[in-house]
């Protein structure tokens, strides 16, 4: 692929690339030319096979992002195996559902640790590297893409820690753009709408909620994980070099309703 959207020669670190949105984003980046370092607990065998079929290199970095302990190893492992790191996609996440009056501290911490704390510190590690590379004379922009949520804009129901984490992620995206835009680092986010993934299985199984959600989506359907690929390639490529601190909804028009 040539032109503004080419990722040829680039290396992308993608967390949670085993299934769903993470897998689709990794495949879209690979299809645009990037090699992939996939970070997660479970070996992403299917993702690896598909990336390799596109002629791209693939690295699995085993890491449990429920704590920050593995974060110092991720970037060095990528650099050692693949030689560089140009793009970071923070996709790994978890969700816990309960009424706010019943929500436990354990469920609060479990979600916040994966969805916000580990995201920030992995982003920090990548940003340090990117800023140092720029100071050493690197001319191309480094790209950070956070996977936010419609709940970065709205309150949601029965997911207090998820809403808090995704709202916080939107704020951190803007803060980091303010600090790093002039240092050759683009920090942006994608806010998926209602996508058919494991995280929305409970909603899709609730006939009433599923009906009400679908009725509000102007596109007339739930999204597929593959619907996120184009936005990810845009934000990872030179086409978005002057895009900083944005939260891009890919939601079938949900927020416009």
Protein backbone atom coordinates (compact mmCIF):
# COMPACT_ATOMS: atom_id res chain seq x y z
CA UNK A 1 0.00 0.00 0.00
CA UNK A 2 1.32 3.42 -0.95
CA UNK A 3 0.40 6.96 0.03
CA UNK A 4 -1.00 8.61 3.10
CA UNK A 5 -2.46 5.44 4.58
CA UNK A 6 0.55 3.17 4.13
CA UNK A 7 2.07 1.61 7.25
CA UNK A 8 4.81 -0.19 5.34
CA UNK A 9 7.87 -0.73 7.49
CA UNK A 10 6.08 0.26 10.70
CA UNK A 11 5.64 -1.80 13.86
CA UNK A 12 2.42 -1.65 15.87
CA UNK A 13 1.98 -2.81 19.46
CA UNK A 14 -1.63 -3.91 19.99
CA UNK A 15 -2.95 -5.04 23.36
CA UNK A 16 -5.78 -7.57 23.55
CA UNK A 17 -5.41 -8.68 19.92
CA UNK A 18 -6.70 -12.20 20.50
CA UNK A 19 -10.31 -11.60 19.43
CA UNK A 20 -12.85 -8.91 18.64
CA UNK A 21 -11.83 -5.29 18.18
CA UNK A 22 -8.17 -5.90 19.00
CA UNK A 23 -7.87 -8.64 16.42
CA UNK A 24 -9.64 -6.61 13.75
CA UNK A 25 -7.46 -3.57 14.40
CA UNK A 26 -4.29 -5.67 14.29
CA UNK A 27 -5.35 -7.19 10.97
CA UNK A 28 -6.24 -3.79 9.49
CA UNK A 29 -2.84 -2.40 10.47
CA UNK A 30 -1.09 -5.47 9.07
CA UNK A 31 -3.05 -5.17 5.85
CA UNK A 32 -1.79 -1.59 5.57
CA UNK A 33 1.80 -2.84 5.94
CA UNK A 34 2.61 -2.93 9.66
CA UNK A 35 4.25 -5.73 11.60
CA UNK A 36 2.38 -6.59 14.80
CA UNK A 37 3.46 -7.10 18.41
CA UNK A 38 0.39 -8.50 20.19
CA UNK A 39 0.28 -8.12 23.97
CA UNK A 40 -1.96 -10.29 26.12
CA UNK A 41 -2.33 -13.31 28.37
CA UNK A 42 -3.52 -15.78 25.75
CA UNK A 43 -1.44 -16.64 22.67
CA UNK A 44 -3.39 -15.09 19.76
CA UNK A 45 -2.94 -18.06 17.45
CA UNK A 46 -5.65 -17.10 14.98
CA UNK A 47 -4.48 -13.49 14.79
CA UNK A 48 -0.90 -14.61 14.24
CA UNK A 49 -1.88 -16.89 11.36
CA UNK A 50 -3.87 -14.14 9.68
CA UNK A 51 -1.11 -11.55 10.10
CA UNK A 52 1.46 -13.97 8.72
CA UNK A 53 -0.83 -14.70 5.75
CA UNK A 54 -0.63 -11.00 4.92
CA UNK A 55 3.16 -11.27 4.78
CA UNK A 56 3.76 -9.38 8.01
CA UNK A 57 5.89 -10.31 10.99
CA UNK A 58 4.15 -11.18 14.27
CA UNK A 59 5.29 -11.26 17.89
CA UNK A 60 3.27 -12.39 20.89
CA UNK A 61 4.28 -10.75 24.17
CA UNK A 62 2.76 -12.60 27.12
CA UNK A 63 1.52 -10.06 29.65
CA UNK A 64 -1.30 -9.79 32.16
CA UNK A 65 -2.33 -6.13 32.12
CA UNK A 66 -4.39 -6.42 35.29
CA UNK A 67 -1.23 -5.02 36.89
CA UNK A 68 1.54 -2.73 35.73
CA UNK A 69 4.22 -5.33 36.48
CA UNK A 70 4.81 -6.49 32.86
CA UNK A 71 4.76 -3.01 31.33
CA UNK A 72 8.55 -2.35 31.51
CA UNK A 73 9.16 -5.49 29.42
CA UNK A 74 6.79 -4.78 26.53
CA UNK A 75 8.66 -2.11 24.61
CA UNK A 76 12.11 -3.74 24.98
CA UNK A 77 10.70 -7.07 23.77
CA UNK A 78 9.20 -5.35 20.72
CA UNK A 79 12.40 -3.51 19.88
CA UNK A 80 14.52 -6.63 20.27
CA UNK A 81 12.32 -8.81 18.07
CA UNK A 82 10.99 -6.34 15.51
CA UNK A 83 13.54 -3.55 15.60
CA UNK A 84 11.25 -0.57 16.20
CA UNK A 85 7.93 0.60 17.65
CA UNK A 86 5.90 3.21 15.80
CA UNK A 87 2.29 2.66 16.84
CA UNK A 88 0.61 1.73 20.12
CA UNK A 89 -3.01 0.59 20.28
CA UNK A 90 -4.36 0.22 23.82
CA UNK A 91 -7.30 -2.09 23.27
CA UNK A 92 -7.19 -4.59 26.16
CA UNK A 93 -10.04 -4.07 28.57
CA UNK A 94 -12.55 -5.67 30.88
CA UNK A 95 -16.01 -4.89 32.20
CA UNK A 96 -18.02 -5.71 35.33
CA UNK A 97 -21.78 -5.17 35.57
CA UNK A 98 -23.83 -4.49 38.71
CA UNK A 99 -26.14 -1.81 40.08
CA UNK A 100 -24.17 1.10 41.52
CA UNK A 101 -25.59 0.45 45.01
CA UNK A 102 -24.18 -3.08 44.92
CA UNK A 103 -20.89 -2.47 43.10
CA UNK A 104 -17.88 -3.88 44.94
CA UNK A 105 -14.42 -2.45 45.46
CA UNK A 106 -13.00 -5.59 43.86
CA UNK A 107 -14.97 -4.99 40.67
CA UNK A 108 -14.04 -1.30 40.69
CA UNK A 109 -10.32 -2.03 40.97
CA UNK A 110 -10.36 -4.89 38.44
CA UNK A 111 -11.74 -2.63 35.73
CA UNK A 112 -9.78 0.51 36.58
CA UNK A 113 -6.48 -1.37 36.72
CA UNK A 114 -6.82 -2.82 33.22
CA UNK A 115 -8.79 -0.07 31.48
CA UNK A 116 -7.05 3.01 32.84
CA UNK A 117 -4.02 2.44 35.05
CA UNK A 118 -2.19 -0.04 32.82
CA UNK A 119 -3.21 1.94 29.73
CA UNK A 120 -1.64 5.10 31.13
CA UNK A 121 1.63 3.50 32.16
CA UNK A 122 2.06 1.58 28.91
CA UNK A 123 1.32 4.80 27.04
CA UNK A 124 3.88 6.58 29.22
CA UNK A 125 6.56 4.00 28.40
CA UNK A 126 5.82 4.22 24.67
CA UNK A 127 5.74 8.02 24.83
CA UNK A 128 9.12 8.22 26.51
CA UNK A 129 10.60 6.11 23.74
CA UNK A 130 8.89 8.09 20.98
CA UNK A 131 9.95 11.46 22.39
CA UNK A 132 13.54 10.26 22.77
CA UNK A 133 13.54 9.00 19.18
CA UNK A 134 12.29 12.36 17.96
CA UNK A 135 14.95 14.19 19.95
CA UNK A 136 17.56 11.94 18.35
CA UNK A 137 16.51 13.01 14.87
CA UNK A 138 13.63 10.70 13.90
CA UNK A 139 11.39 12.59 11.50
CA UNK A 140 8.19 10.54 11.34
CA UNK A 141 5.37 10.85 13.86
CA UNK A 142 4.66 8.16 16.45
CA UNK A 143 1.02 7.20 16.91
CA UNK A 144 -0.93 6.25 20.02
CA UNK A 145 -4.53 5.06 19.68
CA UNK A 146 -6.65 4.48 22.76
CA UNK A 147 -9.83 2.41 22.49
CA UNK A 148 -12.37 4.52 24.33
CA UNK A 149 -16.15 3.99 24.38
CA UNK A 150 -19.50 5.68 23.96
CA UNK A 151 -19.27 5.83 27.75
CA UNK A 152 -16.44 8.33 27.32
CA UNK A 153 -19.37 10.63 26.41
CA UNK A 154 -22.32 9.11 28.27
CA UNK A 155 -23.07 7.56 31.63
CA UNK A 156 -24.24 4.09 30.79
CA UNK A 157 -26.14 1.77 33.14
CA UNK A 158 -24.76 -0.72 35.72
CA UNK A 159 -21.10 -0.22 34.71
CA UNK A 160 -19.75 2.44 37.09
CA UNK A 161 -16.07 1.50 36.95
CA UNK A 162 -16.15 1.02 33.16
CA UNK A 163 -17.77 4.44 32.72
CA UNK A 164 -15.23 6.04 35.05
CA UNK A 165 -12.31 4.39 33.24
CA UNK A 166 -13.49 5.28 29.74
CA UNK A 167 -14.29 8.85 30.78
CA UNK A 168 -10.83 9.07 32.31
CA UNK A 169 -9.29 7.67 29.14
CA UNK A 170 -10.88 10.46 27.11
CA UNK A 171 -9.36 13.03 29.46
CA UNK A 172 -5.92 11.43 29.38
CA UNK A 173 -6.04 11.33 25.58
CA UNK A 174 -6.53 15.10 25.52
CA UNK A 175 -3.93 15.74 28.22
CA UNK A 176 -1.26 13.70 26.43
CA UNK A 177 -2.06 15.42 23.14
CA UNK A 178 -1.45 18.75 24.86
CA UNK A 179 1.91 17.58 26.18
CA UNK A 180 3.18 15.51 23.24
CA UNK A 181 1.75 16.96 20.01
CA UNK A 182 4.76 19.24 19.55
CA UNK A 183 7.12 16.33 20.27
CA UNK A 184 6.14 14.19 17.28
CA UNK A 185 3.55 12.00 19.02
CA UNK A 186 -0.11 11.84 18.01
CA UNK A 187 -2.43 10.71 20.78
CA UNK A 188 -6.02 10.01 19.76
CA UNK A 189 -8.83 7.61 20.62
CA UNK A 190 -11.51 5.59 18.88
CA UNK A 191 -14.87 5.31 20.62
CA UNK A 192 -16.61 2.15 19.38
CA UNK A 193 -20.37 2.09 19.42
CA UNK A 194 -22.35 -1.04 20.18
CA UNK A 195 -20.13 -3.71 18.61
CA UNK A 196 -20.72 -7.46 18.52
CA UNK A 197 -17.97 -8.57 20.95
CA UNK A 198 -17.66 -10.58 24.16
CA UNK A 199 -18.10 -7.37 26.18
CA UNK A 200 -21.58 -6.79 24.75
CA UNK A 201 -22.78 -10.38 25.00
CA UNK A 202 -24.85 -9.65 28.10
CA UNK A 203 -26.55 -6.72 26.38
CA UNK A 204 -27.33 -8.71 23.25
CA UNK A 205 -28.78 -11.49 25.38
CA UNK A 206 -31.19 -9.03 27.05
CA UNK A 207 -34.03 -8.83 24.55
CA UNK A 208 -35.33 -5.49 25.81
CA UNK A 209 -31.96 -3.75 25.98
CA UNK A 210 -30.86 -5.14 22.62
CA UNK A 211 -34.09 -3.92 21.00
CA UNK A 212 -33.78 -0.44 22.52
CA UNK A 213 -30.13 -0.12 21.53
CA UNK A 214 -30.76 -1.12 17.94
CA UNK A 215 -33.67 1.30 17.68
CA UNK A 216 -31.35 4.23 18.43
CA UNK A 217 -28.61 3.33 15.92
CA UNK A 218 -29.23 5.29 12.68
CA UNK A 219 -27.23 2.73 10.67
CA UNK A 220 -29.83 0.12 11.66
CA UNK A 221 -27.39 -2.53 12.88
CA UNK A 222 -24.91 -3.35 15.61
CA UNK A 223 -21.32 -2.75 14.57
CA UNK A 224 -18.84 -5.45 13.70
CA UNK A 225 -15.28 -5.42 15.01
CA UNK A 226 -14.07 -4.96 11.44
CA UNK A 227 -15.83 -1.59 11.32
CA UNK A 228 -13.02 -0.18 13.50
CA UNK A 229 -10.20 -1.07 11.10
CA UNK A 230 -10.41 1.96 8.82
CA UNK A 231 -10.40 4.43 11.69
CA UNK A 232 -7.38 2.68 13.21
CA UNK A 233 -5.41 2.80 9.95
CA UNK A 234 -6.24 6.49 9.58
CA UNK A 235 -5.07 7.35 13.10
CA UNK A 236 -1.95 5.17 12.72
CA UNK A 237 -0.90 6.63 9.37
CA UNK A 238 0.56 9.90 8.14
CA UNK A 239 -2.95 10.87 7.00
CA UNK A 240 -3.62 11.92 10.62
CA UNK A 241 -0.38 13.79 11.33
CA UNK A 242 -2.31 16.97 12.26
CA UNK A 243 -4.98 15.14 14.29
CA UNK A 244 -4.33 15.38 18.02
CA UNK A 245 -6.47 14.72 21.07
CA UNK A 246 -9.57 13.61 19.19
CA UNK A 247 -12.01 10.91 20.27
CA UNK A 248 -13.42 9.48 17.05
CA UNK A 249 -16.78 7.73 17.43
CA UNK A 250 -17.35 4.70 15.19
CA UNK A 251 -20.92 4.14 16.30
CA UNK A 252 -23.32 3.91 13.36
CA UNK A 253 -24.55 7.39 14.24
CA UNK A 254 -25.52 6.62 17.86
CA UNK A 255 -24.23 9.94 19.23
CA UNK A 256 -25.94 11.90 16.47
CA UNK A 257 -29.39 10.60 17.45
